[in-house]
Amino acid sequence: MRSLTSEARGLGLRPEFITDLIDVPLVSGLDFLEIAPENWMNIGGRKRDQLDQLADRYPLIAHGLSLSIGDAEPLNLSFVREIRSFLDAYGIELYSDHLSAARDSTGYLYDLVPIPRRPENVAYLADRIAQVQDVTGRRLVLENISAYHEYPGQMPEGDFLAELALRSGCGILLDINNAYVNERNHGADARAFVATLSAETIAYYHVAGHLELADGTILDTHGTPVVDAVIQLAQDVWRLHGPRPLLLERDNFVPALGDLVHDLTAIGQAVRESRHAFA
């Protein structure tokens, strides 16, 4: 895989603009693409040809949906081996998924269920992470999710995630919008959460838009522009942990590619300005 610089800026690959990406040699301001491997594994035909063309032009990183690292079922190691084959085929070194459960005994839930953040769960998760890392031959990177349920007696999210990274050697995909959503919905301190994490464990950043309901609840929809408050939080993250590859998520009501790249460039410039205050 072509290495990403800390200043790299990327988009999640969406069908709405695949043709536009293929029609030009390279898009100025776009440094990498993030793909969900479940959407591309074991396919052929035109879709596979499109991915091959894009892989020749842009570095790819993989952001999974189905690992379900935190559920109570045995790990699906057959699925993890398929992931390994796909990553190897495209030279993808960075593989992330969500710190959540996505299955129960009946199968996949098609949602991200939060994990109870209790000390006894750290060892359980660390063992499962070790299994995934052994099979994939890569560090597993886990994303903090936006949670819509809180369990009683939990550790603070930052403490839990930092301890898990220390015990397992996993990396962190720091989703800045999710930290903001949890602050608004649950009263968590997003900046305290970010400050608890070790910079060395953070692989890259996500930013995204969200929807505010009439009752003040925030939903992480990836369907609206990134609000100023999330950009300001991103600037604080930059000052604390330094620059990392930055990905703009837009999965719903997807604008034209040119508009997305414009937004990505503007956000990148806004957070880059905070580097001067980095200590």
Protein backbone atom coordinates (compact mmCIF):
# COMPACT_ATOMS: atom_id res chain seq x y z
CA MET A 1 0.00 0.00 0.00
CA ARG A 2 1.17 3.52 -0.76
CA SER A 3 1.71 5.19 2.58
CA LEU A 4 -0.54 7.99 3.77
CA THR A 5 0.95 11.16 5.16
CA SER A 6 -0.45 12.73 8.29
CA GLU A 7 -1.92 15.45 6.06
CA ALA A 8 -3.83 13.01 3.81
CA ARG A 9 -7.51 13.69 3.20
CA GLY A 10 -9.99 11.04 2.10
CA LEU A 11 -13.57 10.07 1.37
CA GLY A 12 -15.55 6.92 1.89
CA LEU A 13 -16.16 5.35 -1.51
CA ARG A 14 -19.82 5.64 -2.47
CA PRO A 15 -21.60 4.36 -5.60
CA GLU A 16 -22.94 7.87 -6.26
CA PHE A 17 -19.53 9.10 -7.43
CA ILE A 18 -17.58 6.02 -8.54
CA THR A 19 -18.05 6.85 -12.21
CA ASP A 20 -16.91 10.43 -11.65
CA LEU A 21 -13.74 9.16 -9.96
CA ILE A 22 -12.99 6.80 -12.80
CA ASP A 23 -13.59 9.41 -15.50
CA VAL A 24 -10.59 11.51 -14.40
CA PRO A 25 -6.99 10.41 -13.73
CA LEU A 26 -6.86 11.90 -10.21
CA VAL A 27 -9.05 14.27 -8.21
CA SER A 28 -7.10 17.16 -6.76
CA GLY A 29 -7.55 17.34 -2.98
CA LEU A 30 -8.43 13.66 -2.61
CA ASP A 31 -5.58 11.54 -1.23
CA PHE A 32 -7.18 8.21 -0.34
CA LEU A 33 -10.40 6.20 -0.34
CA GLU A 34 -11.97 4.23 2.48
CA ILE A 35 -13.97 1.13 1.53
CA ALA A 36 -16.17 -1.31 3.42
CA PRO A 37 -14.61 -4.68 2.52
CA GLU A 38 -17.94 -6.49 2.96
CA ASN A 39 -19.25 -4.53 -0.03
CA TRP A 40 -16.38 -5.61 -2.30
CA MET A 41 -15.26 -9.09 -1.31
CA ASN A 42 -16.12 -12.03 -3.56
CA ILE A 43 -17.41 -9.92 -6.41
CA GLY A 44 -16.48 -9.79 -10.05
CA GLY A 45 -17.61 -8.09 -13.22
CA ARG A 46 -17.92 -4.35 -13.65
CA LYS A 47 -17.84 -3.57 -9.94
CA ARG A 48 -14.55 -5.41 -9.41
CA ASP A 49 -13.08 -3.72 -12.47
CA GLN A 50 -14.04 -0.33 -11.05
CA LEU A 51 -12.34 -1.11 -7.75
CA ASP A 52 -9.22 -2.30 -9.59
CA GLN A 53 -9.05 0.97 -11.49
CA LEU A 54 -9.44 3.05 -8.36
CA ALA A 55 -6.88 0.96 -6.46
CA ASP A 56 -4.35 1.83 -9.17
CA ARG A 57 -4.91 5.54 -8.52
CA TYR A 58 -5.61 5.95 -4.81
CA PRO A 59 -4.38 4.32 -1.61
CA LEU A 60 -7.18 2.26 -0.05
CA ILE A 61 -7.99 1.69 3.60
CA ALA A 62 -10.63 -0.77 4.82
CA HIS A 63 -13.34 0.12 7.33
CA GLY A 64 -15.45 -2.91 8.18
CA LEU A 65 -19.03 -3.26 9.32
CA SER A 66 -19.42 -6.86 10.44
CA LEU A 67 -16.56 -7.88 12.72
CA SER A 68 -18.72 -7.45 15.85
CA ILE A 69 -15.69 -7.61 18.12
CA GLY A 70 -17.79 -7.06 21.25
CA ASP A 71 -20.57 -9.62 20.93
CA ALA A 72 -20.96 -12.78 23.01
CA GLU A 73 -20.76 -15.16 20.04
CA PRO A 74 -17.60 -16.96 18.89
CA LEU A 75 -15.61 -14.85 16.45
CA ASN A 76 -16.40 -15.58 12.81
CA LEU A 77 -12.83 -16.51 11.89
CA SER A 78 -13.88 -17.73 8.45
CA PHE A 79 -15.06 -14.20 7.75
CA VAL A 80 -11.82 -12.76 9.16
CA ARG A 81 -9.81 -15.02 6.83
CA GLU A 82 -11.84 -13.68 3.90
CA ILE A 83 -11.00 -10.18 5.08
CA ARG A 84 -7.29 -11.13 5.14
CA SER A 85 -7.43 -12.40 1.57
CA PHE A 86 -9.10 -9.23 0.38
CA LEU A 87 -6.66 -6.96 2.21
CA ASP A 88 -3.71 -8.91 0.82
CA ALA A 89 -5.08 -8.79 -2.73
CA TYR A 90 -5.22 -4.99 -2.67
CA GLY A 91 -2.21 -4.34 -0.45
CA ILE A 92 -4.37 -2.72 2.21
CA GLU A 93 -2.54 -2.40 5.51
CA LEU A 94 -5.02 -0.37 7.55
CA TYR A 95 -8.09 -2.37 8.61
CA SER A 96 -10.61 -0.86 11.02
CA ASP A 97 -14.01 -1.76 12.39
CA HIS A 98 -16.21 -0.58 15.26
CA LEU A 99 -15.85 -1.12 18.98
CA SER A 100 -19.33 -2.56 19.25
CA ALA A 101 -21.49 -5.63 18.88
CA ALA A 102 -23.33 -6.21 15.62
CA ARG A 103 -24.66 -9.76 16.16
CA ASP A 104 -26.59 -11.81 18.65
CA SER A 105 -27.47 -15.51 18.66
CA THR A 106 -29.99 -14.96 15.84
CA GLY A 107 -27.51 -13.33 13.46
CA TYR A 108 -26.49 -9.84 12.35
CA LEU A 109 -28.44 -6.91 13.75
CA TYR A 110 -27.48 -4.34 11.09
CA ASP A 111 -26.77 -1.89 13.85
CA LEU A 112 -23.89 -1.04 16.18
CA VAL A 113 -24.71 -1.93 19.77
CA PRO A 114 -22.52 -0.38 22.48
CA ILE A 115 -20.42 -2.63 24.70
CA PRO A 116 -20.68 -2.32 28.50
CA ARG A 117 -17.49 -0.48 29.44
CA ARG A 118 -16.57 -2.55 32.48
CA PRO A 119 -13.05 -3.56 33.57
CA GLU A 120 -13.79 -7.28 33.24
CA ASN A 121 -14.65 -6.83 29.57
CA VAL A 122 -11.20 -5.50 28.65
CA ALA A 123 -9.53 -8.92 28.85
CA TYR A 124 -12.34 -10.53 26.87
CA LEU A 125 -12.04 -7.96 24.10
CA ALA A 126 -8.23 -8.04 24.12
CA ASP A 127 -8.29 -11.79 23.51
CA ARG A 128 -10.66 -11.41 20.57
CA ILE A 129 -8.59 -8.57 19.14
CA ALA A 130 -5.48 -10.77 19.37
CA GLN A 131 -7.27 -13.47 17.37
CA VAL A 132 -8.22 -11.01 14.63
CA GLN A 133 -4.72 -9.56 14.50
CA ASP A 134 -3.20 -13.04 14.25
CA VAL A 135 -5.44 -13.97 11.33
CA THR A 136 -5.17 -10.69 9.43
CA GLY A 137 -1.47 -10.13 10.13
CA ARG A 138 -2.33 -6.50 10.86
CA ARG A 139 -3.05 -4.26 13.81
CA LEU A 140 -6.79 -3.99 14.24
CA VAL A 141 -8.01 -0.40 14.45
CA LEU A 142 -11.26 0.20 16.34
CA GLU A 143 -13.62 3.16 16.10
CA ASN A 144 -15.43 4.79 19.01
CA ILE A 145 -19.12 4.65 18.15
CA SER A 146 -22.04 6.98 18.75
CA ALA A 147 -24.07 5.22 21.45
CA TYR A 148 -27.77 5.64 22.11
CA HIS A 149 -27.82 3.56 25.29
CA GLU A 150 -25.77 3.88 28.47
CA TYR A 151 -25.15 0.95 30.84
CA PRO A 152 -24.95 1.66 34.58
CA GLY A 153 -21.61 1.53 36.36
CA GLN A 154 -19.45 1.99 33.28
CA MET A 155 -15.87 3.20 33.02
CA PRO A 156 -15.45 6.54 31.24
CA GLU A 157 -15.19 5.88 27.51
CA GLY A 158 -11.69 7.31 27.22
CA ASP A 159 -10.36 5.20 30.10
CA PHE A 160 -11.91 2.05 28.65
CA LEU A 161 -10.61 2.62 25.13
CA ALA A 162 -7.15 3.63 26.32
CA GLU A 163 -6.87 0.53 28.52
CA LEU A 164 -8.07 -1.71 25.70
CA ALA A 165 -5.49 -0.26 23.31
CA LEU A 166 -2.76 -0.74 25.90
CA ARG A 167 -3.74 -4.35 26.66
CA SER A 168 -4.37 -5.49 23.09
CA GLY A 169 -2.08 -3.37 20.93
CA CYS A 170 -5.03 -2.30 18.79
CA GLY A 171 -5.18 1.12 17.18
CA ILE A 172 -7.92 3.72 17.44
CA LEU A 173 -9.96 5.30 14.70
CA LEU A 174 -11.02 8.49 16.47
CA ASP A 175 -14.42 9.52 15.18
CA ILE A 176 -14.66 13.15 16.22
CA ASN A 177 -18.33 13.49 15.36
CA ASN A 178 -19.18 10.43 17.46
CA ALA A 179 -17.39 11.97 20.44
CA TYR A 180 -19.47 15.12 19.96
CA VAL A 181 -22.72 13.13 19.60
CA ASN A 182 -22.05 11.26 22.85
CA GLU A 183 -21.29 14.52 24.62
CA ARG A 184 -24.59 16.01 23.53
CA ASN A 185 -26.68 12.89 24.18
CA HIS A 186 -25.14 11.66 27.42
CA GLY A 187 -23.35 14.63 28.93
CA ALA A 188 -19.92 13.08 28.37
CA ASP A 189 -17.02 15.51 28.04
CA ALA A 190 -15.73 15.01 24.50
CA ARG A 191 -12.49 16.87 25.14
CA ALA A 192 -11.78 14.87 28.29
CA PHE A 193 -12.43 11.69 26.31
CA VAL A 194 -9.99 12.73 23.60
CA ALA A 195 -7.37 13.81 26.14
CA THR A 196 -7.42 10.39 27.82
CA LEU A 197 -6.31 8.63 24.62
CA SER A 198 -2.66 8.08 23.77
CA ALA A 199 -1.61 9.83 20.56
CA GLU A 200 0.48 6.82 19.55
CA THR A 201 -2.61 4.64 19.32
CA ILE A 202 -4.60 6.93 16.99
CA ALA A 203 -4.42 5.76 13.37
CA TYR A 204 -6.72 8.28 11.69
CA TYR A 205 -9.73 10.54 12.17
CA HIS A 206 -13.32 10.61 10.98
CA VAL A 207 -15.54 13.67 10.74
CA ALA A 208 -19.17 13.61 9.70
CA GLY A 209 -22.49 15.37 9.88
CA HIS A 210 -25.38 14.55 12.18
CA LEU A 211 -29.07 15.29 12.61
CA GLU A 212 -30.51 17.09 15.63
CA LEU A 213 -34.04 16.04 16.56
CA ALA A 214 -36.67 18.31 18.05
CA ASP A 215 -36.00 16.96 21.55
CA GLY A 216 -32.29 17.76 21.26
CA THR A 217 -31.15 14.18 20.61
CA ILE A 218 -28.32 13.93 18.07
CA LEU A 219 -28.27 11.15 15.47
CA ASP A 220 -25.06 10.24 13.67
CA THR A 221 -26.55 10.11 10.18
CA HIS A 222 -23.60 10.95 7.88
CA GLY A 223 -26.19 12.76 5.80
CA THR A 224 -25.56 16.45 6.47
CA PRO A 225 -22.60 18.86 6.39
CA VAL A 226 -20.16 18.85 9.31
CA VAL A 227 -21.20 21.49 11.85
CA ASP A 228 -18.87 24.14 13.25
CA ALA A 229 -18.86 22.57 16.72
CA VAL A 230 -17.42 19.32 15.32
CA ILE A 231 -14.80 21.24 13.36
CA GLN A 232 -13.86 23.11 16.54
CA LEU A 233 -13.53 19.80 18.37
CA ALA A 234 -11.35 18.55 15.51
CA GLN A 235 -9.11 21.58 15.94
CA ASP A 236 -8.71 20.74 19.63
CA VAL A 237 -7.87 17.15 18.69
CA TRP A 238 -5.20 18.42 16.27
CA ARG A 239 -3.68 20.61 18.95
CA LEU A 240 -3.57 17.73 21.41
CA HIS A 241 -2.65 14.73 19.26
CA GLY A 242 -1.35 16.23 16.06
CA PRO A 243 -2.36 15.65 12.45
CA ARG A 244 -3.53 12.28 11.15
CA PRO A 245 -5.20 11.19 7.91
CA LEU A 246 -8.67 12.72 7.95
CA LEU A 247 -11.74 11.16 6.37
CA LEU A 248 -15.03 12.90 5.66
CA GLU A 249 -17.95 10.47 5.94
CA ARG A 250 -21.01 11.12 3.80
CA ASP A 251 -23.25 8.10 3.33
CA ASN A 252 -26.70 9.65 2.84
CA PHE A 253 -27.93 12.50 0.64
CA VAL A 254 -24.53 12.33 -1.04
CA PRO A 255 -23.60 15.57 -2.86
CA ALA A 256 -21.68 15.74 -6.12
CA LEU A 257 -18.06 14.66 -5.91
CA GLY A 258 -16.79 18.18 -6.49
CA ASP A 259 -18.85 19.50 -3.60
CA LEU A 260 -17.62 16.74 -1.30
CA VAL A 261 -13.98 17.42 -2.14
CA HIS A 262 -14.57 21.13 -1.60
CA ASP A 263 -15.98 20.40 1.87
CA LEU A 264 -13.11 18.03 2.63
CA THR A 265 -10.56 20.65 1.61
CA ALA A 266 -12.23 23.35 3.70
CA ILE A 267 -12.39 21.13 6.79
CA GLY A 268 -8.78 20.06 6.31
CA GLN A 269 -7.66 23.65 6.04
CA ALA A 270 -9.61 24.65 9.15
CA VAL A 271 -8.06 21.93 11.28
CA ARG A 272 -4.60 22.38 9.76
CA GLU A 273 -4.54 25.95 11.04
CA SER A 274 -4.56 24.60 14.60
CA ARG A 275 -1.22 22.82 14.07
CA HIS A 276 0.60 26.03 14.91
CA ALA A 277 -0.64 25.71 18.49
CA PHE A 278 0.33 22.03 18.77
CA ALA A 279 2.64 21.40 21.71
